[in-house]
Amino acid sequence: MSEEARNSSEKDVLSDLFAGHHPRGDVIFAGTHCGSSHHQGRMDLPSQQQGMLHVLQNGTMRVLFDGREKAILDRPGVVLFGYPVPHDIETPTGGAAMVCANLDFPDIGLSPAKLGLPEYLVLPFDELPGLEAITNQLFSESQGGQPGQRTAINLLVDLLLLMVLRHCQAKNLVRPGILAAMRDPRIARVVGELHQKPGENWSIERQAEIAGMSRASFAARFRDLLGTSPGDFLQTIRLDLAFGLLRDGKRLQAVAGQVGYRSTTALARAIQQRHNMSPRELHADSSAESGAFQSAV
């Protein structure tokens, strides 16, 4: 691989992956929390597309699973859930200032599992320097009642989540996945290329060449960081992309070529196995949603 080509591929991979398909926060509580509350995630989204973020400004927060204390945060910080694990939050009678948000991950992009998020993680802010401006503004917005308050809070939660993910990646607080792959620029380079050009012919040899590694070393390092083989990872990218394109009304034949499948039959079968929906059902759903929207208008 030429030096010019290598340098051109040295991009901000996480930003490229987040473009247009990043996780989004949806605040469900902002204010003084007293007593106990139960959280279990959204019922209208598959579990693999969800997470949750609790942000504590002051006071104490206990996290319980099935009535058993699993974590306690006794100073400002966050509790991040990479999965919609049913749990209870308890605060003292005097209350604690906090913000709670559901995290919605795109079904064709970066799911918590694909990123490698842990089931849950407790992070005091004194372990995450540089977040004061974000968190101060977050709690200021939660108390102000200004126009656009909900939108502002959600955007601040999005930014806070990105900072937390950056910290998790840097401190190796993640499971095998894309965040773990960011630790090795050679593997991150390949991950970025696969996402940007999924329809190309990606042999293991070509991927290893881009990484500047031998075939065997590349395959072993890839599996170590992402928990899957390069071939299986590429197939996941292709099928997630195909799912989104088909849902948007694209024809199966056109989608197959775009995502690197020579056979429409093979792609249809793979879509059915991965998403439990056929391309025909996806088209029917997208047509129904479009008709409902036009009727509403």
C-alpha atoms as a PDB file:
ATOM      1  CA  MET A   1       0.000   0.000   0.000  1.00  0.00           C
ATOM      2  CA  SER A   2       1.466   3.399  -0.975  1.00  0.00           C
ATOM      3  CA  GLU A   3       2.268   5.970   1.728  1.00  0.00           C
ATOM      4  CA  GLU A   4      -0.126   8.432   0.085  1.00  0.00           C
ATOM      5  CA  ALA A   5      -2.975   5.929   0.206  1.00  0.00           C
ATOM      6  CA  ARG A   6      -2.149   5.050   3.809  1.00  0.00           C
ATOM      7  CA  ASN A   7      -2.154   8.704   4.890  1.00  0.00           C
ATOM      8  CA  SER A   8      -5.453   9.362   3.130  1.00  0.00           C
ATOM      9  CA  SER A   9      -7.055   6.566   5.107  1.00  0.00           C
ATOM     10  CA  GLU A  10      -5.820   7.893   8.486  1.00  0.00           C
ATOM     11  CA  LYS A  11      -9.132   9.540   9.374  1.00  0.00           C
ATOM     12  CA  ASP A  12     -11.216  10.092  12.430  1.00  0.00           C
ATOM     13  CA  VAL A  13     -12.897   6.713  12.142  1.00  0.00           C
ATOM     14  CA  LEU A  14     -15.353   7.205  14.994  1.00  0.00           C
ATOM     15  CA  SER A  15     -16.565  10.521  13.565  1.00  0.00           C
ATOM     16  CA  ASP A  16     -16.997   8.882  10.163  1.00  0.00           C
ATOM     17  CA  LEU A  17     -19.035   6.094  11.729  1.00  0.00           C
ATOM     18  CA  PHE A  18     -21.136   8.522  13.770  1.00  0.00           C
ATOM     19  CA  ALA A  19     -21.966  10.717  10.764  1.00  0.00           C
ATOM     20  CA  GLY A  20     -25.734  10.611  10.348  1.00  0.00           C
ATOM     21  CA  HIS A  21     -26.137   7.477  12.480  1.00  0.00           C
ATOM     22  CA  HIS A  22     -24.895   8.337  15.957  1.00  0.00           C
ATOM     23  CA  PRO A  23     -26.670   7.388  19.206  1.00  0.00           C
ATOM     24  CA  ARG A  24     -29.198   9.966  20.358  1.00  0.00           C
ATOM     25  CA  GLY A  25     -30.282  10.864  23.851  1.00  0.00           C
ATOM     26  CA  ASP A  26     -33.936  11.173  24.825  1.00  0.00           C
ATOM     27  CA  VAL A  27     -34.244  12.740  28.287  1.00  0.00           C
ATOM     28  CA  ILE A  28     -36.956  11.162  30.438  1.00  0.00           C
ATOM     29  CA  PHE A  29     -36.199  12.972  33.714  1.00  0.00           C
ATOM     30  CA  ALA A  30     -34.404  16.196  34.654  1.00  0.00           C
ATOM     31  CA  GLY A  31     -34.578  17.733  38.109  1.00  0.00           C
ATOM     32  CA  THR A  32     -34.477  16.679  41.753  1.00  0.00           C
ATOM     33  CA  HIS A  33     -35.004  12.954  42.176  1.00  0.00           C
ATOM     34  CA  CYS A  34     -36.329  11.716  45.517  1.00  0.00           C
ATOM     35  CA  GLY A  35     -36.883   8.109  46.531  1.00  0.00           C
ATOM     36  CA  SER A  36     -37.005   5.265  44.014  1.00  0.00           C
ATOM     37  CA  SER A  37     -37.783   4.932  40.300  1.00  0.00           C
ATOM     38  CA  HIS A  38     -37.793   1.952  37.949  1.00  0.00           C
ATOM     39  CA  HIS A  39     -36.173   1.951  34.502  1.00  0.00           C
ATOM     40  CA  GLN A  40     -36.397  -0.753  31.855  1.00  0.00           C
ATOM     41  CA  GLY A  41     -35.875   0.913  28.488  1.00  0.00           C
ATOM     42  CA  ARG A  42     -38.252   1.648  25.647  1.00  0.00           C
ATOM     43  CA  MET A  43     -40.807  -0.929  24.621  1.00  0.00           C
ATOM     44  CA  ASP A  44     -40.958   0.293  21.004  1.00  0.00           C
ATOM     45  CA  LEU A  45     -37.312  -0.442  20.203  1.00  0.00           C
ATOM     46  CA  PRO A  46     -35.406  -3.752  20.055  1.00  0.00           C
ATOM     47  CA  SER A  47     -33.160  -4.228  23.079  1.00  0.00           C
ATOM     48  CA  GLN A  48     -29.992  -4.221  20.955  1.00  0.00           C
ATOM     49  CA  GLN A  49     -30.695  -0.605  19.944  1.00  0.00           C
ATOM     50  CA  GLN A  50     -30.939   0.787  23.450  1.00  0.00           C
ATOM     51  CA  GLY A  51     -28.895   2.060  26.340  1.00  0.00           C
ATOM     52  CA  MET A  52     -29.387   4.509  29.202  1.00  0.00           C
ATOM     53  CA  LEU A  53     -27.459   7.322  30.855  1.00  0.00           C
ATOM     54  CA  HIS A  54     -27.976   8.682  34.385  1.00  0.00           C
ATOM     55  CA  VAL A  55     -26.123  11.913  35.202  1.00  0.00           C
ATOM     56  CA  LEU A  56     -25.739  12.916  38.869  1.00  0.00           C
ATOM     57  CA  GLN A  57     -24.986  16.538  39.795  1.00  0.00           C
ATOM     58  CA  ASN A  58     -25.087  16.167  43.566  1.00  0.00           C
ATOM     59  CA  GLY A  59     -26.261  13.784  46.253  1.00  0.00           C
ATOM     60  CA  THR A  60     -26.094   9.995  46.147  1.00  0.00           C
ATOM     61  CA  MET A  61     -27.520   7.489  43.682  1.00  0.00           C
ATOM     62  CA  ARG A  62     -27.871   3.746  44.258  1.00  0.00           C
ATOM     63  CA  VAL A  63     -28.391   1.358  41.341  1.00  0.00           C
ATOM     64  CA  LEU A  64     -30.239  -1.883  42.079  1.00  0.00           C
ATOM     65  CA  PHE A  65     -30.929  -4.962  39.932  1.00  0.00           C
ATOM     66  CA  ASP A  66     -33.723  -7.201  41.239  1.00  0.00           C
ATOM     67  CA  GLY A  67     -33.636  -5.338  44.540  1.00  0.00           C
ATOM     68  CA  ARG A  68     -29.901  -5.883  45.036  1.00  0.00           C
ATOM     69  CA  GLU A  69     -27.463  -3.008  45.105  1.00  0.00           C
ATOM     70  CA  LYS A  70     -25.064  -3.246  42.183  1.00  0.00           C
ATOM     71  CA  ALA A  71     -23.454   0.186  42.197  1.00  0.00           C
ATOM     72  CA  ILE A  72     -23.420   3.424  44.122  1.00  0.00           C
ATOM     73  CA  LEU A  73     -22.421   6.894  42.965  1.00  0.00           C
ATOM     74  CA  ASP A  74     -21.770   9.234  45.896  1.00  0.00           C
ATOM     75  CA  ARG A  75     -20.342  12.181  43.975  1.00  0.00           C
ATOM     76  CA  PRO A  76     -21.086  13.857  40.616  1.00  0.00           C
ATOM     77  CA  GLY A  77     -20.764  11.446  37.730  1.00  0.00           C
ATOM     78  CA  VAL A  78     -22.591   9.178  35.293  1.00  0.00           C
ATOM     79  CA  VAL A  79     -23.931   5.646  35.170  1.00  0.00           C
ATOM     80  CA  LEU A  80     -23.891   4.315  31.608  1.00  0.00           C
ATOM     81  CA  PHE A  81     -25.935   1.291  30.553  1.00  0.00           C
ATOM     82  CA  GLY A  82     -24.958  -0.346  27.272  1.00  0.00           C
ATOM     83  CA  TYR A  83     -28.108  -2.488  27.381  1.00  0.00           C
ATOM     84  CA  PRO A  84     -31.669  -1.815  28.623  1.00  0.00           C
ATOM     85  CA  VAL A  85     -31.154  -3.745  31.871  1.00  0.00           C
ATOM     86  CA  PRO A  86     -34.196  -3.334  34.150  1.00  0.00           C
ATOM     87  CA  HIS A  87     -33.010  -1.501  37.243  1.00  0.00           C
ATOM     88  CA  ASP A  88     -34.069   0.814  40.042  1.00  0.00           C
ATOM     89  CA  ILE A  89     -32.530   4.143  41.010  1.00  0.00           C
ATOM     90  CA  GLU A  90     -32.712   5.197  44.645  1.00  0.00           C
ATOM     91  CA  THR A  91     -31.807   8.605  46.077  1.00  0.00           C
ATOM     92  CA  PRO A  92     -31.999   9.978  49.648  1.00  0.00           C
ATOM     93  CA  THR A  93     -35.123  11.612  51.024  1.00  0.00           C
ATOM     94  CA  GLY A  94     -33.512  15.007  50.522  1.00  0.00           C
ATOM     95  CA  GLY A  95     -33.205  14.253  46.831  1.00  0.00           C
ATOM     96  CA  ALA A  96     -30.417  14.412  44.265  1.00  0.00           C
ATOM     97  CA  ALA A  97     -30.103  16.570  41.156  1.00  0.00           C
ATOM     98  CA  MET A  98     -29.925  14.324  38.136  1.00  0.00           C
ATOM     99  CA  VAL A  99     -30.772  13.823  34.482  1.00  0.00           C
ATOM    100  CA  CYS A 100     -31.891  10.443  33.105  1.00  0.00           C
ATOM    101  CA  ALA A 101     -31.951   9.716  29.375  1.00  0.00           C
ATOM    102  CA  ASN A 102     -32.726   6.780  27.143  1.00  0.00           C
ATOM    103  CA  LEU A 103     -30.074   6.226  24.483  1.00  0.00           C
ATOM    104  CA  ASP A 104     -31.409   5.214  21.077  1.00  0.00           C
ATOM    105  CA  PHE A 105     -28.884   3.558  18.770  1.00  0.00           C
ATOM    106  CA  PRO A 106     -29.514   3.342  15.005  1.00  0.00           C
ATOM    107  CA  ASP A 107     -30.487  -0.101  13.738  1.00  0.00           C
ATOM    108  CA  ILE A 108     -28.155   0.221  10.739  1.00  0.00           C
ATOM    109  CA  GLY A 109     -25.217   1.767  12.545  1.00  0.00           C
ATOM    110  CA  LEU A 110     -23.470   1.501  15.853  1.00  0.00           C
ATOM    111  CA  SER A 111     -25.348  -0.678  18.295  1.00  0.00           C
ATOM    112  CA  PRO A 112     -24.010  -0.892  21.877  1.00  0.00           C
ATOM    113  CA  ALA A 113     -22.811  -4.445  21.185  1.00  0.00           C
ATOM    114  CA  LYS A 114     -21.064  -3.385  17.981  1.00  0.00           C
ATOM    115  CA  LEU A 115     -19.324  -0.567  19.835  1.00  0.00           C
ATOM    116  CA  GLY A 116     -18.438  -2.935  22.675  1.00  0.00           C
ATOM    117  CA  LEU A 117     -20.171  -1.084  25.506  1.00  0.00           C
ATOM    118  CA  PRO A 118     -20.244  -2.791  28.906  1.00  0.00           C
ATOM    119  CA  GLU A 119     -23.531  -3.798  30.511  1.00  0.00           C
ATOM    120  CA  TYR A 120     -23.156  -0.874  32.890  1.00  0.00           C
ATOM    121  CA  LEU A 121     -20.411   1.451  34.037  1.00  0.00           C
ATOM    122  CA  VAL A 122     -20.104   3.927  36.933  1.00  0.00           C
ATOM    123  CA  LEU A 123     -17.863   6.923  36.233  1.00  0.00           C
ATOM    124  CA  PRO A 124     -17.382   9.810  38.695  1.00  0.00           C
ATOM    125  CA  PHE A 125     -16.670  13.098  36.931  1.00  0.00           C
ATOM    126  CA  ASP A 126     -13.334  13.450  38.730  1.00  0.00           C
ATOM    127  CA  GLU A 127     -12.212  10.517  36.562  1.00  0.00           C
ATOM    128  CA  LEU A 128     -13.380  12.295  33.391  1.00  0.00           C
ATOM    129  CA  PRO A 129     -11.643  15.703  33.351  1.00  0.00           C
ATOM    130  CA  GLY A 130     -12.890  18.440  31.052  1.00  0.00           C
ATOM    131  CA  LEU A 131     -16.620  17.777  31.300  1.00  0.00           C
ATOM    132  CA  GLU A 132     -17.488  20.697  33.591  1.00  0.00           C
ATOM    133  CA  ALA A 133     -18.726  22.991  30.811  1.00  0.00           C
ATOM    134  CA  ILE A 134     -21.009  20.303  29.346  1.00  0.00           C
ATOM    135  CA  THR A 135     -22.467  19.121  32.636  1.00  0.00           C
ATOM    136  CA  ASN A 136     -22.921  22.649  34.018  1.00  0.00           C
ATOM    137  CA  GLN A 137     -24.842  23.622  30.884  1.00  0.00           C
ATOM    138  CA  LEU A 138     -26.830  20.385  31.009  1.00  0.00           C
ATOM    139  CA  PHE A 139     -28.110  21.076  34.513  1.00  0.00           C
ATOM    140  CA  SER A 140     -28.595  24.761  33.791  1.00  0.00           C
ATOM    141  CA  GLU A 141     -30.844  23.847  30.860  1.00  0.00           C
ATOM    142  CA  SER A 142     -32.736  21.306  32.954  1.00  0.00           C
ATOM    143  CA  GLN A 143     -33.724  24.027  35.427  1.00  0.00           C
ATOM    144  CA  GLY A 144     -34.229  27.016  33.138  1.00  0.00           C
ATOM    145  CA  GLY A 145     -37.414  26.372  31.183  1.00  0.00           C
ATOM    146  CA  GLN A 146     -36.096  28.214  28.129  1.00  0.00           C
ATOM    147  CA  PRO A 147     -37.566  27.730  24.621  1.00  0.00           C
ATOM    148  CA  GLY A 148     -36.086  24.630  23.018  1.00  0.00           C
ATOM    149  CA  GLN A 149     -35.137  23.242  26.415  1.00  0.00           C
ATOM    150  CA  ARG A 150     -35.757  19.578  25.572  1.00  0.00           C
ATOM    151  CA  THR A 151     -33.791  19.810  22.327  1.00  0.00           C
ATOM    152  CA  ALA A 152     -30.882  21.529  24.084  1.00  0.00           C
ATOM    153  CA  ILE A 153     -30.799  18.921  26.855  1.00  0.00           C
ATOM    154  CA  ASN A 154     -30.863  16.046  24.369  1.00  0.00           C
ATOM    155  CA  LEU A 155     -28.009  17.568  22.345  1.00  0.00           C
ATOM    156  CA  LEU A 156     -25.948  18.026  25.511  1.00  0.00           C
ATOM    157  CA  VAL A 157     -26.619  14.394  26.461  1.00  0.00           C
ATOM    158  CA  ASP A 158     -25.417  13.359  22.982  1.00  0.00           C
ATOM    159  CA  LEU A 159     -22.190  15.308  23.502  1.00  0.00           C
ATOM    160  CA  LEU A 160     -21.733  13.965  27.015  1.00  0.00           C
ATOM    161  CA  LEU A 161     -22.187  10.411  25.724  1.00  0.00           C
ATOM    162  CA  LEU A 162     -19.499  10.946  23.101  1.00  0.00           C
ATOM    163  CA  MET A 163     -17.091  12.199  25.773  1.00  0.00           C
ATOM    164  CA  VAL A 164     -17.886   9.169  27.946  1.00  0.00           C
ATOM    165  CA  LEU A 165     -17.317   6.809  25.008  1.00  0.00           C
ATOM    166  CA  ARG A 166     -13.997   8.505  24.307  1.00  0.00           C
ATOM    167  CA  HIS A 167     -12.979   7.988  27.928  1.00  0.00           C
ATOM    168  CA  CYS A 168     -14.083   4.334  27.888  1.00  0.00           C
ATOM    169  CA  GLN A 169     -12.041   3.725  24.752  1.00  0.00           C
ATOM    170  CA  ALA A 170      -8.935   5.445  26.121  1.00  0.00           C
ATOM    171  CA  LYS A 171      -9.086   3.611  29.463  1.00  0.00           C
ATOM    172  CA  ASN A 172     -10.006   0.231  27.918  1.00  0.00           C
ATOM    173  CA  LEU A 173     -13.320   0.029  29.769  1.00  0.00           C
ATOM    174  CA  VAL A 174     -15.036  -1.674  26.838  1.00  0.00           C
ATOM    175  CA  ARG A 175     -15.763  -5.139  25.544  1.00  0.00           C
ATOM    176  CA  PRO A 176     -14.459  -6.321  22.153  1.00  0.00           C
ATOM    177  CA  GLY A 177     -15.905  -4.046  19.482  1.00  0.00           C
ATOM    178  CA  ILE A 178     -15.289  -0.901  17.464  1.00  0.00           C
ATOM    179  CA  LEU A 179     -14.185   1.188  20.450  1.00  0.00           C
ATOM    180  CA  ALA A 180     -11.595  -1.435  21.346  1.00  0.00           C
ATOM    181  CA  ALA A 181     -10.406  -1.464  17.715  1.00  0.00           C
ATOM    182  CA  MET A 182      -9.628   2.265  18.016  1.00  0.00           C
ATOM    183  CA  ARG A 183      -6.692   1.297  20.237  1.00  0.00           C
ATOM    184  CA  ASP A 184      -4.834  -0.063  17.214  1.00  0.00           C
ATOM    185  CA  PRO A 185      -4.613   2.442  14.321  1.00  0.00           C
ATOM    186  CA  ARG A 186      -3.938  -0.392  11.882  1.00  0.00           C
ATOM    187  CA  ILE A 187      -7.172  -2.204  12.720  1.00  0.00           C
ATOM    188  CA  ALA A 188      -9.116   1.065  13.047  1.00  0.00           C
ATOM    189  CA  ARG A 189      -7.972   1.967   9.535  1.00  0.00           C
ATOM    190  CA  VAL A 190      -9.485  -1.237   8.153  1.00  0.00           C
ATOM    191  CA  VAL A 191     -12.711  -0.811  10.139  1.00  0.00           C
ATOM    192  CA  GLY A 192     -13.127   2.644   8.619  1.00  0.00           C
ATOM    193  CA  GLU A 193     -12.488   1.378   5.098  1.00  0.00           C
ATOM    194  CA  LEU A 194     -14.974  -1.477   5.466  1.00  0.00           C
ATOM    195  CA  HIS A 195     -17.686   0.900   6.635  1.00  0.00           C
ATOM    196  CA  GLN A 196     -17.018   3.422   3.875  1.00  0.00           C
ATOM    197  CA  LYS A 197     -16.764   0.905   1.018  1.00  0.00           C
ATOM    198  CA  PRO A 198     -18.709  -2.224   2.024  1.00  0.00           C
ATOM    199  CA  GLY A 199     -19.545  -3.189  -1.563  1.00  0.00           C
ATOM    200  CA  GLU A 200     -15.952  -3.668  -2.648  1.00  0.00           C
ATOM    201  CA  ASN A 201     -14.169  -7.004  -2.855  1.00  0.00           C
ATOM    202  CA  TRP A 202     -12.637  -7.281   0.601  1.00  0.00           C
ATOM    203  CA  SER A 203     -10.407 -10.329   0.777  1.00  0.00           C
ATOM    204  CA  ILE A 204      -8.508 -10.952   4.004  1.00  0.00           C
ATOM    205  CA  GLU A 205      -5.293 -10.340   2.066  1.00  0.00           C
ATOM    206  CA  ARG A 206      -6.455  -6.887   0.972  1.00  0.00           C
ATOM    207  CA  GLN A 207      -7.518  -5.948   4.501  1.00  0.00           C
ATOM    208  CA  ALA A 208      -4.178  -7.139   5.878  1.00  0.00           C
ATOM    209  CA  GLU A 209      -2.352  -5.067   3.277  1.00  0.00           C
ATOM    210  CA  ILE A 210      -4.233  -1.925   4.316  1.00  0.00           C
ATOM    211  CA  ALA A 211      -3.344  -2.669   7.935  1.00  0.00           C
ATOM    212  CA  GLY A 212       0.291  -3.225   6.970  1.00  0.00           C
ATOM    213  CA  MET A 213       0.302  -6.642   8.619  1.00  0.00           C
ATOM    214  CA  SER A 214       0.668 -10.261   7.639  1.00  0.00           C
ATOM    215  CA  ARG A 215      -2.557 -12.129   6.939  1.00  0.00           C
ATOM    216  CA  ALA A 216      -2.286 -14.296  10.048  1.00  0.00           C
ATOM    217  CA  SER A 217      -1.304 -11.441  12.377  1.00  0.00           C
ATOM    218  CA  PHE A 218      -4.078  -9.238  11.034  1.00  0.00           C
ATOM    219  CA  ALA A 219      -6.791 -11.873  11.424  1.00  0.00           C
ATOM    220  CA  ALA A 220      -5.680 -12.675  14.987  1.00  0.00           C
ATOM    221  CA  ARG A 221      -5.443  -9.024  16.036  1.00  0.00           C
ATOM    222  CA  PHE A 222      -8.804  -8.208  14.438  1.00  0.00           C
ATOM    223  CA  ARG A 223     -10.558 -11.006  16.304  1.00  0.00           C
ATOM    224  CA  ASP A 224      -8.827 -10.043  19.546  1.00  0.00           C
ATOM    225  CA  LEU A 225     -10.081  -6.441  19.373  1.00  0.00           C
ATOM    226  CA  LEU A 226     -13.498  -6.918  17.778  1.00  0.00           C
ATOM    227  CA  GLY A 227     -14.462 -10.364  18.998  1.00  0.00           C
ATOM    228  CA  THR A 228     -15.281 -11.601  15.501  1.00  0.00           C
ATOM    229  CA  SER A 229     -13.552 -12.451  12.240  1.00  0.00           C
ATOM    230  CA  PRO A 230     -12.991  -9.844   9.500  1.00  0.00           C
ATOM    231  CA  GLY A 231     -15.391 -11.758   7.240  1.00  0.00           C
ATOM    232  CA  ASP A 232     -18.215 -11.888   9.780  1.00  0.00           C
ATOM    233  CA  PHE A 233     -17.713  -8.223  10.664  1.00  0.00           C
ATOM    234  CA  LEU A 234     -17.930  -7.233   6.996  1.00  0.00           C
ATOM    235  CA  GLN A 235     -21.104  -9.282   6.554  1.00  0.00           C
ATOM    236  CA  THR A 236     -22.689  -7.468   9.511  1.00  0.00           C
ATOM    237  CA  ILE A 237     -21.878  -4.096   7.946  1.00  0.00           C
ATOM    238  CA  ARG A 238     -23.298  -5.178   4.605  1.00  0.00           C
ATOM    239  CA  LEU A 239     -26.521  -6.602   6.038  1.00  0.00           C
ATOM    240  CA  ASP A 240     -27.156  -3.600   8.288  1.00  0.00           C
ATOM    241  CA  LEU A 241     -26.668  -1.279   5.323  1.00  0.00           C
ATOM    242  CA  ALA A 242     -28.879  -3.429   3.100  1.00  0.00           C
ATOM    243  CA  PHE A 243     -31.595  -3.429   5.751  1.00  0.00           C
ATOM    244  CA  GLY A 244     -31.612   0.363   5.864  1.00  0.00           C
ATOM    245  CA  LEU A 245     -31.631   0.751   2.078  1.00  0.00           C
ATOM    246  CA  LEU A 246     -34.456  -1.751   1.625  1.00  0.00           C
ATOM    247  CA  ARG A 247     -36.453  -0.100   4.387  1.00  0.00           C
ATOM    248  CA  ASP A 248     -36.033   3.193   2.523  1.00  0.00           C
ATOM    249  CA  GLY A 249     -37.644   1.641  -0.547  1.00  0.00           C
ATOM    250  CA  LYS A 250     -34.585   0.693  -2.619  1.00  0.00           C
ATOM    251  CA  ARG A 251     -34.959  -2.312  -4.922  1.00  0.00           C
ATOM    252  CA  LEU A 252     -33.306  -5.570  -3.894  1.00  0.00           C
ATOM    253  CA  GLN A 253     -31.252  -5.884  -7.097  1.00  0.00           C
ATOM    254  CA  ALA A 254     -29.767  -2.403  -6.709  1.00  0.00           C
ATOM    255  CA  VAL A 255     -29.066  -2.943  -3.018  1.00  0.00           C
ATOM    256  CA  ALA A 256     -27.330  -6.270  -3.633  1.00  0.00           C
ATOM    257  CA  GLY A 257     -24.780  -4.633  -5.925  1.00  0.00           C
ATOM    258  CA  GLN A 258     -24.257  -1.736  -3.539  1.00  0.00           C
ATOM    259  CA  VAL A 259     -23.426  -3.943  -0.569  1.00  0.00           C
ATOM    260  CA  GLY A 260     -21.298  -6.480  -2.418  1.00  0.00           C
ATOM    261  CA  TYR A 261     -23.737  -9.366  -2.938  1.00  0.00           C
ATOM    262  CA  ARG A 262     -23.777 -10.978  -6.375  1.00  0.00           C
ATOM    263  CA  SER A 263     -26.943 -12.948  -5.651  1.00  0.00           C
ATOM    264  CA  THR A 264     -30.222 -11.278  -4.689  1.00  0.00           C
ATOM    265  CA  THR A 265     -31.434 -14.620  -3.372  1.00  0.00           C
ATOM    266  CA  ALA A 266     -28.454 -14.909  -1.026  1.00  0.00           C
ATOM    267  CA  LEU A 267     -28.970 -11.349   0.217  1.00  0.00           C
ATOM    268  CA  ALA A 268     -32.702 -11.884   0.794  1.00  0.00           C
ATOM    269  CA  ARG A 269     -31.976 -15.051   2.760  1.00  0.00           C
ATOM    270  CA  ALA A 270     -29.299 -13.311   4.866  1.00  0.00           C
ATOM    271  CA  ILE A 271     -31.600 -10.347   5.591  1.00  0.00           C
ATOM    272  CA  GLN A 272     -34.321 -12.736   6.716  1.00  0.00           C
ATOM    273  CA  GLN A 273     -31.937 -14.593   9.018  1.00  0.00           C
ATOM    274  CA  ARG A 274     -30.419 -11.461  10.582  1.00  0.00           C
ATOM    275  CA  HIS A 275     -33.453  -9.180  10.899  1.00  0.00           C
ATOM    276  CA  ASN A 276     -36.294 -11.726  10.780  1.00  0.00           C
ATOM    277  CA  MET A 277     -37.887  -9.766   7.927  1.00  0.00           C
ATOM    278  CA  SER A 278     -37.894 -10.364   4.200  1.00  0.00           C
ATOM    279  CA  PRO A 279     -37.146  -7.555   1.699  1.00  0.00           C
ATOM    280  CA  ARG A 280     -40.814  -7.713   0.657  1.00  0.00           C
ATOM    281  CA  GLU A 281     -41.920  -7.130   4.260  1.00  0.00           C
ATOM    282  CA  LEU A 282     -39.484  -4.222   4.572  1.00  0.00           C
ATOM    283  CA  HIS A 283     -40.962  -2.621   1.461  1.00  0.00           C
ATOM    284  CA  ALA A 284     -44.476  -3.135   2.802  1.00  0.00           C
ATOM    285  CA  ASP A 285     -43.547  -1.501   6.113  1.00  0.00           C
ATOM    286  CA  SER A 286     -41.892   1.486   4.448  1.00  0.00           C
ATOM    287  CA  SER A 287     -44.876   1.955   2.124  1.00  0.00           C
ATOM    288  CA  ALA A 288     -47.288   1.806   5.061  1.00  0.00           C
ATOM    289  CA  GLU A 289     -45.267   4.395   7.006  1.00  0.00           C
ATOM    290  CA  SER A 290     -45.110   6.674   3.986  1.00  0.00           C
ATOM    291  CA  GLY A 291     -48.873   6.387   3.446  1.00  0.00           C
ATOM    292  CA  ALA A 292     -49.552   7.122   7.105  1.00  0.00           C
ATOM    293  CA  PHE A 293     -47.352  10.211   6.963  1.00  0.00           C
ATOM    294  CA  GLN A 294     -49.066  11.532   3.828  1.00  0.00           C
ATOM    295  CA  SER A 295     -52.493  10.935   5.379  1.00  0.00           C
ATOM    296  CA  ALA A 296     -51.433  12.849   8.488  1.00  0.00           C
ATOM    297  CA  VAL A 297     -50.256  15.745   6.353  1.00  0.00           C
END
